[in-house]
PDB file of N, CA and C in Angstrom:
ATOM      1  N   UNK A   1      -8.337 -13.965  18.357  1.00  0.00           N
ATOM      2  CA  UNK A   1      -8.176 -13.490  16.998  1.00  0.00           C
ATOM      3  C   UNK A   1      -6.867 -13.989  16.382  1.00  0.00           C
ATOM      4  N   UNK A   2      -5.956 -14.524  17.168  1.00  0.00           N
ATOM      5  CA  UNK A   2      -4.657 -14.941  16.656  1.00  0.00           C
ATOM      6  C   UNK A   2      -4.759 -16.068  15.633  1.00  0.00           C
ATOM      7  N   UNK A   3      -5.795 -16.896  15.717  1.00  0.00           N
ATOM      8  CA  UNK A   3      -5.962 -17.983  14.764  1.00  0.00           C
ATOM      9  C   UNK A   3      -6.801 -17.557  13.560  1.00  0.00           C
ATOM     10  N   UNK A   4      -7.319 -16.351  13.626  1.00  0.00           N
ATOM     11  CA  UNK A   4      -8.165 -15.842  12.563  1.00  0.00           C
ATOM     12  C   UNK A   4      -7.356 -15.596  11.296  1.00  0.00           C
ATOM     13  N   UNK A   5      -7.983 -15.807  10.179  1.00  0.00           N
ATOM     14  CA  UNK A   5      -7.330 -15.601   8.907  1.00  0.00           C
ATOM     15  C   UNK A   5      -7.481 -14.148   8.462  1.00  0.00           C
ATOM     16  N   UNK A   6      -6.519 -13.695   7.688  1.00  0.00           N
ATOM     17  CA  UNK A   6      -6.523 -12.325   7.183  1.00  0.00           C
ATOM     18  C   UNK A   6      -7.827 -12.011   6.455  1.00  0.00           C
ATOM     19  N   UNK A   7      -8.233 -12.904   5.563  1.00  0.00           N
ATOM     20  CA  UNK A   7      -9.431 -12.660   4.762  1.00  0.00           C
ATOM     21  C   UNK A   7     -10.679 -12.502   5.630  1.00  0.00           C
ATOM     22  N   UNK A   8     -10.780 -13.318   6.676  1.00  0.00           N
ATOM     23  CA  UNK A   8     -11.929 -13.236   7.576  1.00  0.00           C
ATOM     24  C   UNK A   8     -11.926 -11.909   8.335  1.00  0.00           C
ATOM     25  N   UNK A   9     -10.751 -11.511   8.803  1.00  0.00           N
ATOM     26  CA  UNK A   9     -10.638 -10.260   9.547  1.00  0.00           C
ATOM     27  C   UNK A   9     -10.968  -9.076   8.653  1.00  0.00           C
ATOM     28  N   UNK A  10     -10.491  -9.108   7.414  1.00  0.00           N
ATOM     29  CA  UNK A  10     -10.762  -8.014   6.477  1.00  0.00           C
ATOM     30  C   UNK A  10     -12.250  -7.929   6.155  1.00  0.00           C
ATOM     31  N   UNK A  11     -12.887  -9.073   6.000  1.00  0.00           N
ATOM     32  CA  UNK A  11     -14.331  -9.100   5.729  1.00  0.00           C
ATOM     33  C   UNK A  11     -15.109  -8.508   6.906  1.00  0.00           C
ATOM     34  N   UNK A  12     -14.730  -8.873   8.123  1.00  0.00           N
ATOM     35  CA  UNK A  12     -15.392  -8.323   9.311  1.00  0.00           C
ATOM     36  C   UNK A  12     -15.188  -6.815   9.391  1.00  0.00           C
ATOM     37  N   UNK A  13     -13.965  -6.365   9.066  1.00  0.00           N
ATOM     38  CA  UNK A  13     -13.667  -4.941   9.092  1.00  0.00           C
ATOM     39  C   UNK A  13     -14.517  -4.193   8.065  1.00  0.00           C
ATOM     40  N   UNK A  14     -14.656  -4.746   6.885  1.00  0.00           N
ATOM     41  CA  UNK A  14     -15.488  -4.124   5.853  1.00  0.00           C
ATOM     42  C   UNK A  14     -16.943  -4.036   6.293  1.00  0.00           C
ATOM     43  N   UNK A  15     -17.426  -5.069   6.966  1.00  0.00           N
ATOM     44  CA  UNK A  15     -18.799  -5.074   7.471  1.00  0.00           C
ATOM     45  C   UNK A  15     -18.994  -3.972   8.512  1.00  0.00           C
ATOM     46  N   UNK A  16     -18.035  -3.832   9.402  1.00  0.00           N
ATOM     47  CA  UNK A  16     -18.101  -2.786  10.432  1.00  0.00           C
ATOM     48  C   UNK A  16     -18.132  -1.405   9.786  1.00  0.00           C
ATOM     49  N   UNK A  17     -17.284  -1.201   8.794  1.00  0.00           N
ATOM     50  CA  UNK A  17     -17.231   0.105   8.118  1.00  0.00           C
ATOM     51  C   UNK A  17     -18.568   0.400   7.454  1.00  0.00           C
ATOM     52  N   UNK A  18     -19.141  -0.569   6.760  1.00  0.00           N
ATOM     53  CA  UNK A  18     -20.446  -0.364   6.107  1.00  0.00           C
ATOM     54  C   UNK A  18     -21.519  -0.006   7.124  1.00  0.00           C
ATOM     55  N   UNK A  19     -21.537  -0.720   8.247  1.00  0.00           N
ATOM     56  CA  UNK A  19     -22.534  -0.447   9.284  1.00  0.00           C
ATOM     57  C   UNK A  19     -22.365   0.953   9.857  1.00  0.00           C
ATOM     58  N   UNK A  20     -21.120   1.353  10.089  1.00  0.00           N
ATOM     59  CA  UNK A  20     -20.873   2.678  10.655  1.00  0.00           C
ATOM     60  C   UNK A  20     -21.219   3.773   9.651  1.00  0.00           C
ATOM     61  N   UNK A  21     -20.907   3.545   8.382  1.00  0.00           N
ATOM     62  CA  UNK A  21     -21.218   4.537   7.357  1.00  0.00           C
ATOM     63  C   UNK A  21     -22.717   4.709   7.164  1.00  0.00           C
ATOM     64  N   UNK A  22     -23.474   3.663   7.443  1.00  0.00           N
ATOM     65  CA  UNK A  22     -24.930   3.739   7.308  1.00  0.00           C
ATOM     66  C   UNK A  22     -25.525   4.707   8.334  1.00  0.00           C
ATOM     67  N   UNK A  23     -24.818   4.927   9.434  1.00  0.00           N
ATOM     68  CA  UNK A  23     -25.243   5.892  10.434  1.00  0.00           C
ATOM     69  C   UNK A  23     -26.445   5.487  11.258  1.00  0.00           C
ATOM     70  N   UNK A  24     -26.736   4.215  11.323  1.00  0.00           N
ATOM     71  CA  UNK A  24     -27.916   3.755  12.048  1.00  0.00           C
ATOM     72  C   UNK A  24     -27.574   3.130  13.395  1.00  0.00           C
ATOM     73  N   UNK A  25     -26.360   3.351  13.867  1.00  0.00           N
ATOM     74  CA  UNK A  25     -25.938   2.767  15.133  1.00  0.00           C
ATOM     75  C   UNK A  25     -26.003   3.829  16.226  1.00  0.00           C
ATOM     76  N   UNK A  26     -26.253   3.366  17.438  1.00  0.00           N
ATOM     77  CA  UNK A  26     -26.207   4.288  18.568  1.00  0.00           C
ATOM     78  C   UNK A  26     -24.753   4.656  18.846  1.00  0.00           C
ATOM     79  N   UNK A  27     -24.558   5.650  19.689  1.00  0.00           N
ATOM     80  CA  UNK A  27     -23.200   6.066  20.037  1.00  0.00           C
ATOM     81  C   UNK A  27     -22.441   4.909  20.673  1.00  0.00           C
ATOM     82  N   UNK A  28     -23.072   4.199  21.571  1.00  0.00           N
ATOM     83  CA  UNK A  28     -22.419   3.074  22.248  1.00  0.00           C
ATOM     84  C   UNK A  28     -22.073   1.972  21.250  1.00  0.00           C
ATOM     85  N   UNK A  29     -22.990   1.652  20.340  1.00  0.00           N
ATOM     86  CA  UNK A  29     -22.721   0.639  19.319  1.00  0.00           C
ATOM     87  C   UNK A  29     -21.574   1.085  18.406  1.00  0.00           C
ATOM     88  N   UNK A  30     -21.565   2.364  18.065  1.00  0.00           N
ATOM     89  CA  UNK A  30     -20.500   2.904  17.213  1.00  0.00           C
ATOM     90  C   UNK A  30     -19.137   2.801  17.894  1.00  0.00           C
ATOM     91  N   UNK A  31     -19.084   3.128  19.165  1.00  0.00           N
ATOM     92  CA  UNK A  31     -17.813   3.037  19.897  1.00  0.00           C
ATOM     93  C   UNK A  31     -17.318   1.595  19.978  1.00  0.00           C
ATOM     94  N   UNK A  32     -18.232   0.689  20.260  1.00  0.00           N
ATOM     95  CA  UNK A  32     -17.863  -0.724  20.337  1.00  0.00           C
ATOM     96  C   UNK A  32     -17.385  -1.225  18.969  1.00  0.00           C
ATOM     97  N   UNK A  33     -18.100  -0.841  17.910  1.00  0.00           N
ATOM     98  CA  UNK A  33     -17.713  -1.240  16.555  1.00  0.00           C
ATOM     99  C   UNK A  33     -16.367  -0.630  16.175  1.00  0.00           C
ATOM    100  N   UNK A  34     -16.144   0.626  16.572  1.00  0.00           N
ATOM    101  CA  UNK A  34     -14.874   1.296  16.285  1.00  0.00           C
ATOM    102  C   UNK A  34     -13.719   0.562  16.962  1.00  0.00           C
ATOM    103  N   UNK A  35     -13.903   0.182  18.219  1.00  0.00           N
ATOM    104  CA  UNK A  35     -12.864  -0.562  18.944  1.00  0.00           C
ATOM    105  C   UNK A  35     -12.549  -1.885  18.249  1.00  0.00           C
ATOM    106  N   UNK A  36     -13.585  -2.593  17.852  1.00  0.00           N
ATOM    107  CA  UNK A  36     -13.372  -3.862  17.153  1.00  0.00           C
ATOM    108  C   UNK A  36     -12.683  -3.617  15.811  1.00  0.00           C
ATOM    109  N   UNK A  37     -13.090  -2.555  15.123  1.00  0.00           N
ATOM    110  CA  UNK A  37     -12.476  -2.215  13.840  1.00  0.00           C
ATOM    111  C   UNK A  37     -10.995  -1.916  13.976  1.00  0.00           C
ATOM    112  N   UNK A  38     -10.626  -1.188  15.022  1.00  0.00           N
ATOM    113  CA  UNK A  38      -9.212  -0.881  15.257  1.00  0.00           C
ATOM    114  C   UNK A  38      -8.419  -2.165  15.476  1.00  0.00           C
ATOM    115  N   UNK A  39      -8.962  -3.082  16.273  1.00  0.00           N
ATOM    116  CA  UNK A  39      -8.282  -4.360  16.523  1.00  0.00           C
ATOM    117  C   UNK A  39      -8.115  -5.145  15.226  1.00  0.00           C
ATOM    118  N   UNK A  40      -9.160  -5.160  14.408  1.00  0.00           N
ATOM    119  CA  UNK A  40      -9.096  -5.886  13.140  1.00  0.00           C
ATOM    120  C   UNK A  40      -8.102  -5.232  12.181  1.00  0.00           C
ATOM    121  N   UNK A  41      -8.093  -3.905  12.139  1.00  0.00           N
ATOM    122  CA  UNK A  41      -7.157  -3.199  11.263  1.00  0.00           C
ATOM    123  C   UNK A  41      -5.717  -3.474  11.671  1.00  0.00           C
ATOM    124  N   UNK A  42      -5.465  -3.490  12.971  1.00  0.00           N
ATOM    125  CA  UNK A  42      -4.109  -3.800  13.460  1.00  0.00           C
ATOM    126  C   UNK A  42      -3.722  -5.230  13.120  1.00  0.00           C
ATOM    127  N   UNK A  43      -4.657  -6.152  13.272  1.00  0.00           N
ATOM    128  CA  UNK A  43      -4.404  -7.546  12.937  1.00  0.00           C
ATOM    129  C   UNK A  43      -4.067  -7.683  11.453  1.00  0.00           C
ATOM    130  N   UNK A  44      -4.860  -7.032  10.596  1.00  0.00           N
ATOM    131  CA  UNK A  44      -4.621  -7.101   9.154  1.00  0.00           C
ATOM    132  C   UNK A  44      -3.271  -6.494   8.792  1.00  0.00           C
ATOM    133  N   UNK A  45      -2.939  -5.367   9.403  1.00  0.00           N
ATOM    134  CA  UNK A  45      -1.648  -4.725   9.151  1.00  0.00           C
ATOM    135  C   UNK A  45      -0.505  -5.644   9.555  1.00  0.00           C
ATOM    136  N   UNK A  46      -0.653  -6.294  10.703  1.00  0.00           N
ATOM    137  CA  UNK A  46       0.378  -7.219  11.177  1.00  0.00           C
ATOM    138  C   UNK A  46       0.553  -8.370  10.190  1.00  0.00           C
ATOM    139  N   UNK A  47      -0.552  -8.926   9.723  1.00  0.00           N
ATOM    140  CA  UNK A  47      -0.479 -10.040   8.777  1.00  0.00           C
ATOM    141  C   UNK A  47       0.154  -9.603   7.455  1.00  0.00           C
ATOM    142  N   UNK A  48      -0.169  -8.399   6.978  1.00  0.00           N
ATOM    143  CA  UNK A  48       0.430  -7.894   5.745  1.00  0.00           C
ATOM    144  C   UNK A  48       1.932  -7.672   5.917  1.00  0.00           C
ATOM    145  N   UNK A  49       2.326  -7.141   7.078  1.00  0.00           N
ATOM    146  CA  UNK A  49       3.747  -6.943   7.361  1.00  0.00           C
ATOM    147  C   UNK A  49       4.493  -8.272   7.398  1.00  0.00           C
ATOM    148  N   UNK A  50       3.871  -9.287   8.015  1.00  0.00           N
ATOM    149  CA  UNK A  50       4.478 -10.613   8.070  1.00  0.00           C
ATOM    150  C   UNK A  50       4.638 -11.191   6.668  1.00  0.00           C
ATOM    151  N   UNK A  51       3.630 -11.028   5.840  1.00  0.00           N
ATOM    152  CA  UNK A  51       3.700 -11.534   4.469  1.00  0.00           C
ATOM    153  C   UNK A  51       4.791 -10.807   3.691  1.00  0.00           C
ATOM    154  N   UNK A  52       4.905  -9.506   3.894  1.00  0.00           N
ATOM    155  CA  UNK A  52       5.937  -8.717   3.224  1.00  0.00           C
ATOM    156  C   UNK A  52       7.333  -9.201   3.614  1.00  0.00           C
ATOM    157  N   UNK A  53       7.522  -9.474   4.904  1.00  0.00           N
ATOM    158  CA  UNK A  53       8.818  -9.976   5.364  1.00  0.00           C
ATOM    159  C   UNK A  53       9.122 -11.353   4.769  1.00  0.00           C
ATOM    160  N   UNK A  54       8.105 -12.197   4.673  1.00  0.00           N
ATOM    161  CA  UNK A  54       8.309 -13.534   4.094  1.00  0.00           C
ATOM    162  C   UNK A  54       8.695 -13.425   2.628  1.00  0.00           C
ATOM    163  N   UNK A  55       8.036 -12.533   1.897  1.00  0.00           N
ATOM    164  CA  UNK A  55       8.367 -12.339   0.484  1.00  0.00           C
ATOM    165  C   UNK A  55       9.802 -11.848   0.356  1.00  0.00           C
ATOM    166  N   UNK A  56      10.191 -10.887   1.198  1.00  0.00           N
ATOM    167  CA  UNK A  56      11.565 -10.389   1.177  1.00  0.00           C
ATOM    168  C   UNK A  56      12.564 -11.512   1.411  1.00  0.00           C
ATOM    169  N   UNK A  57      12.274 -12.380   2.365  1.00  0.00           N
ATOM    170  CA  UNK A  57      13.174 -13.500   2.650  1.00  0.00           C
ATOM    171  C   UNK A  57      13.272 -14.454   1.465  1.00  0.00           C
ATOM    172  N   UNK A  58      12.147 -14.700   0.828  1.00  0.00           N
ATOM    173  CA  UNK A  58      12.142 -15.621  -0.309  1.00  0.00           C
ATOM    174  C   UNK A  58      12.897 -15.053  -1.505  1.00  0.00           C
ATOM    175  N   UNK A  59      12.923 -13.728  -1.613  1.00  0.00           N
ATOM    176  CA  UNK A  59      13.587 -13.101  -2.753  1.00  0.00           C
ATOM    177  C   UNK A  59      15.076 -12.848  -2.530  1.00  0.00           C
ATOM    178  N   UNK A  60      15.554 -13.088  -1.312  1.00  0.00           N
ATOM    179  CA  UNK A  60      16.982 -12.868  -1.032  1.00  0.00           C
ATOM    180  C   UNK A  60      17.822 -13.903  -1.781  1.00  0.00           C
ATOM    181  N   UNK A  61      18.834 -13.411  -2.443  1.00  0.00           N
ATOM    182  CA  UNK A  61      19.752 -14.304  -3.144  1.00  0.00           C
ATOM    183  C   UNK A  61      21.166 -13.857  -2.823  1.00  0.00           C
ATOM    184  N   UNK A  62      21.952 -14.758  -2.265  1.00  0.00           N
ATOM    185  CA  UNK A  62      23.333 -14.477  -1.904  1.00  0.00           C
ATOM    186  C   UNK A  62      23.451 -13.224  -1.041  1.00  0.00           C
ATOM    187  N   UNK A  63      22.556 -13.089  -0.089  1.00  0.00           N
ATOM    188  CA  UNK A  63      22.630 -11.973   0.852  1.00  0.00           C
ATOM    189  C   UNK A  63      22.076 -10.662   0.335  1.00  0.00           C
ATOM    190  N   UNK A  64      21.687 -10.596  -0.920  1.00  0.00           N
ATOM    191  CA  UNK A  64      21.128  -9.366  -1.477  1.00  0.00           C
ATOM    192  C   UNK A  64      19.643  -9.549  -1.723  1.00  0.00           C
ATOM    193  N   UNK A  65      18.917  -8.489  -1.526  1.00  0.00           N
ATOM    194  CA  UNK A  65      17.482  -8.523  -1.769  1.00  0.00           C
ATOM    195  C   UNK A  65      17.229  -8.159  -3.218  1.00  0.00           C
ATOM    196  N   UNK A  66      16.606  -9.070  -3.926  1.00  0.00           N
ATOM    197  CA  UNK A  66      16.269  -8.845  -5.321  1.00  0.00           C
ATOM    198  C   UNK A  66      14.799  -8.442  -5.376  1.00  0.00           C
ATOM    199  N   UNK A  67      14.518  -7.247  -5.825  1.00  0.00           N
ATOM    200  CA  UNK A  67      13.145  -6.765  -5.915  1.00  0.00           C
ATOM    201  C   UNK A  67      12.600  -7.086  -7.290  1.00  0.00           C
ATOM    202  N   UNK A  68      11.468  -7.774  -7.302  1.00  0.00           N
ATOM    203  CA  UNK A  68      10.828  -8.140  -8.560  1.00  0.00           C
ATOM    204  C   UNK A  68       9.380  -7.672  -8.515  1.00  0.00           C
ATOM    205  N   UNK A  69       8.893  -7.002  -9.553  1.00  0.00           N
ATOM    206  CA  UNK A  69       7.492  -6.579  -9.572  1.00  0.00           C
ATOM    207  C   UNK A  69       6.573  -7.785  -9.778  1.00  0.00           C
ATOM    208  N   UNK A  70       5.351  -7.669  -9.285  1.00  0.00           N
ATOM    209  CA  UNK A  70       4.365  -8.706  -9.521  1.00  0.00           C
ATOM    210  C   UNK A  70       3.980  -8.677 -10.990  1.00  0.00           C
ATOM    211  N   UNK A  71       3.425  -9.762 -11.485  1.00  0.00           N
ATOM    212  CA  UNK A  71       3.074  -9.875 -12.896  1.00  0.00           C
ATOM    213  C   UNK A  71       2.148  -8.744 -13.337  1.00  0.00           C
ATOM    214  N   UNK A  72       1.180  -8.376 -12.519  1.00  0.00           N
ATOM    215  CA  UNK A  72       0.260  -7.292 -12.856  1.00  0.00           C
ATOM    216  C   UNK A  72       0.950  -5.959 -12.990  1.00  0.00           C
ATOM    217  N   UNK A  73       1.968  -5.718 -12.195  1.00  0.00           N
ATOM    218  CA  UNK A  73       2.698  -4.459 -12.248  1.00  0.00           C
ATOM    219  C   UNK A  73       3.520  -4.378 -13.525  1.00  0.00           C
ATOM    220  N   UNK A  74       4.054  -5.502 -13.982  1.00  0.00           N
ATOM    221  CA  UNK A  74       4.858  -5.511 -15.197  1.00  0.00           C
ATOM    222  C   UNK A  74       3.993  -5.141 -16.390  1.00  0.00           C
ATOM    223  N   UNK A  75       2.801  -5.692 -16.451  1.00  0.00           N
ATOM    224  CA  UNK A  75       1.897  -5.418 -17.573  1.00  0.00           C
ATOM    225  C   UNK A  75       1.502  -3.950 -17.618  1.00  0.00           C
ATOM    226  N   UNK A  76       1.227  -3.368 -16.445  1.00  0.00           N
ATOM    227  CA  UNK A  76       0.822  -1.968 -16.402  1.00  0.00           C
ATOM    228  C   UNK A  76       1.939  -1.050 -16.855  1.00  0.00           C
ATOM    229  N   UNK A  77       3.197  -1.353 -16.483  1.00  0.00           N
ATOM    230  CA  UNK A  77       4.316  -0.497 -16.856  1.00  0.00           C
ATOM    231  C   UNK A  77       4.666  -0.613 -18.334  1.00  0.00           C
ATOM    232  N   UNK A  78       4.266  -1.703 -18.967  1.00  0.00           N
ATOM    233  CA  UNK A  78       4.555  -1.896 -20.386  1.00  0.00           C
ATOM    234  C   UNK A  78       3.611  -1.089 -21.268  1.00  0.00           C
ATOM    235  N   UNK A  79       2.509  -0.602 -20.710  1.00  0.00           N
ATOM    236  CA  UNK A  79       1.501   0.131 -21.499  1.00  0.00           C
ATOM    237  C   UNK A  79       1.962   1.500 -21.844  1.00  0.00           C
TER     238      UNK A  79
END
């Protein structure tokens, strides 16, 4: 899974959730799907944390962290 992309992992996780919510899986299938879902959720969280750290590094200027809202956030706050 280390070479897997975030988007692929998230899509697989969404598929697992839909299947589990449908309630048509056996107990054993549900447990196996739950285990895979946990692994995918951890992978996605790790990738998001890594991206957050990279953004923080890119925004550092002269040793200080400059926080800037995303373009979508600026528009919402102006309303």
